[in-house]
Amino acid sequence: MLKTFFISSMDQKEAAGLFAHQLLERTKKVEMLKQKLNILTEEDPSAQSLHSTQFGHYLVLTRAIEREKGYVRWLQKTLEVIDSSIV
């Protein structure tokens, strides 16, 4: 978990490293979730159907992927801000 409350006390390199590490971890998580979704839909092609017993699992995975992708975008934007900050 990324804790940013005391980020203003970090130097630019330390802050960038913190966010870069989280970016790497969250990118890996997106890929892992996508793999799980692919496995689910390959094993049960009807998983995307409302009446499938796997539909709830499908919904949870797709939401988790979107949430993590949003986090990755935020991390990327924040890294740009950190990198462009005057030292």
Protein backbone atom coordinates (compact mmCIF):
# COMPACT_ATOMS: atom_id res chain seq x y z
CA MET A 1 0.00 0.00 0.00
CA LEU A 2 1.27 3.41 -0.95
CA LYS A 3 1.31 5.95 1.86
CA THR A 4 1.81 9.51 0.70
CA PHE A 5 1.08 11.54 3.81
CA PHE A 6 4.75 12.40 4.42
CA ILE A 7 5.81 12.59 0.78
CA SER A 8 6.74 16.27 1.08
CA SER A 9 9.58 15.26 3.41
CA MET A 10 11.09 12.95 0.75
CA ASP A 11 13.59 14.01 -1.85
CA GLN A 12 12.68 13.67 -5.53
CA LYS A 13 14.62 10.45 -6.05
CA GLU A 14 13.05 8.75 -3.02
CA ALA A 15 9.53 9.82 -4.00
CA ALA A 16 10.03 8.71 -7.61
CA GLY A 17 11.37 5.37 -6.41
CA LEU A 18 8.37 4.86 -4.17
CA PHE A 19 5.94 5.52 -7.01
CA ALA A 20 7.96 3.55 -9.56
CA HIS A 21 7.91 0.51 -7.27
CA GLN A 22 4.15 0.78 -6.85
CA LEU A 23 3.74 1.21 -10.62
CA LEU A 24 5.64 -2.01 -11.22
CA GLU A 25 3.64 -3.90 -8.59
CA ARG A 26 0.26 -2.63 -9.82
CA THR A 27 1.14 -3.35 -13.44
CA LYS A 28 1.96 -6.93 -12.45
CA LYS A 29 -1.36 -7.12 -10.60
CA VAL A 30 -3.29 -5.97 -13.69
CA GLU A 31 -1.64 -8.69 -15.75
CA MET A 32 -2.37 -11.34 -13.12
CA LEU A 33 -6.03 -10.32 -12.97
CA LYS A 34 -6.28 -10.39 -16.78
CA GLN A 35 -4.83 -13.90 -16.76
CA LYS A 36 -7.42 -14.99 -14.20
CA LEU A 37 -10.18 -13.49 -16.33
CA ASN A 38 -8.88 -15.27 -19.43
CA ILE A 39 -8.79 -18.58 -17.56
CA LEU A 40 -12.32 -18.03 -16.29
CA THR A 41 -13.74 -17.24 -19.74
CA GLU A 42 -11.82 -20.08 -21.40
CA GLU A 43 -13.06 -22.61 -18.84
CA ASP A 44 -16.61 -21.24 -18.93
CA PRO A 45 -17.40 -19.18 -22.03
CA SER A 46 -20.83 -18.41 -20.56
CA ALA A 47 -19.22 -16.65 -17.55
CA GLN A 48 -20.19 -13.31 -19.13
CA SER A 49 -23.85 -14.28 -19.10
CA LEU A 50 -26.22 -13.04 -16.41
CA HIS A 51 -27.45 -16.56 -15.67
CA SER A 52 -24.00 -18.15 -15.40
CA THR A 53 -22.95 -19.32 -11.95
CA GLN A 54 -19.61 -17.60 -12.72
CA PHE A 55 -21.12 -14.21 -13.62
CA GLY A 56 -20.44 -12.71 -10.18
CA HIS A 57 -16.81 -13.81 -10.38
CA TYR A 58 -16.59 -12.33 -13.88
CA LEU A 59 -17.95 -9.00 -12.61
CA VAL A 60 -15.55 -8.90 -9.66
CA LEU A 61 -12.56 -9.60 -11.91
CA THR A 62 -13.53 -7.01 -14.53
CA ARG A 63 -14.04 -4.36 -11.84
CA ALA A 64 -10.73 -5.25 -10.18
CA ILE A 65 -8.95 -4.88 -13.53
CA GLU A 66 -10.50 -1.46 -14.13
CA ARG A 67 -9.68 -0.32 -10.59
CA GLU A 68 -6.05 -1.36 -10.92
CA LYS A 69 -5.74 0.20 -14.39
CA GLY A 70 -7.01 3.46 -12.90
CA TYR A 71 -4.42 3.20 -10.14
CA VAL A 72 -1.69 2.58 -12.75
CA ARG A 73 -2.76 5.70 -14.69
CA TRP A 74 -2.68 7.77 -11.49
CA LEU A 75 0.78 6.45 -10.60
CA GLN A 76 2.05 7.28 -14.09
CA LYS A 77 0.68 10.82 -13.93
CA THR A 78 2.10 11.33 -10.44
CA LEU A 79 5.51 10.08 -11.57
CA GLU A 80 5.41 12.64 -14.40
CA VAL A 81 4.70 15.38 -11.85
CA ILE A 82 7.50 14.17 -9.57
CA ASP A 83 9.95 13.90 -12.46
CA SER A 84 9.13 17.40 -13.67
CA SER A 85 9.49 18.92 -10.19
CA ILE A 86 12.34 21.31 -9.64
CA VAL A 87 14.92 19.76 -7.35
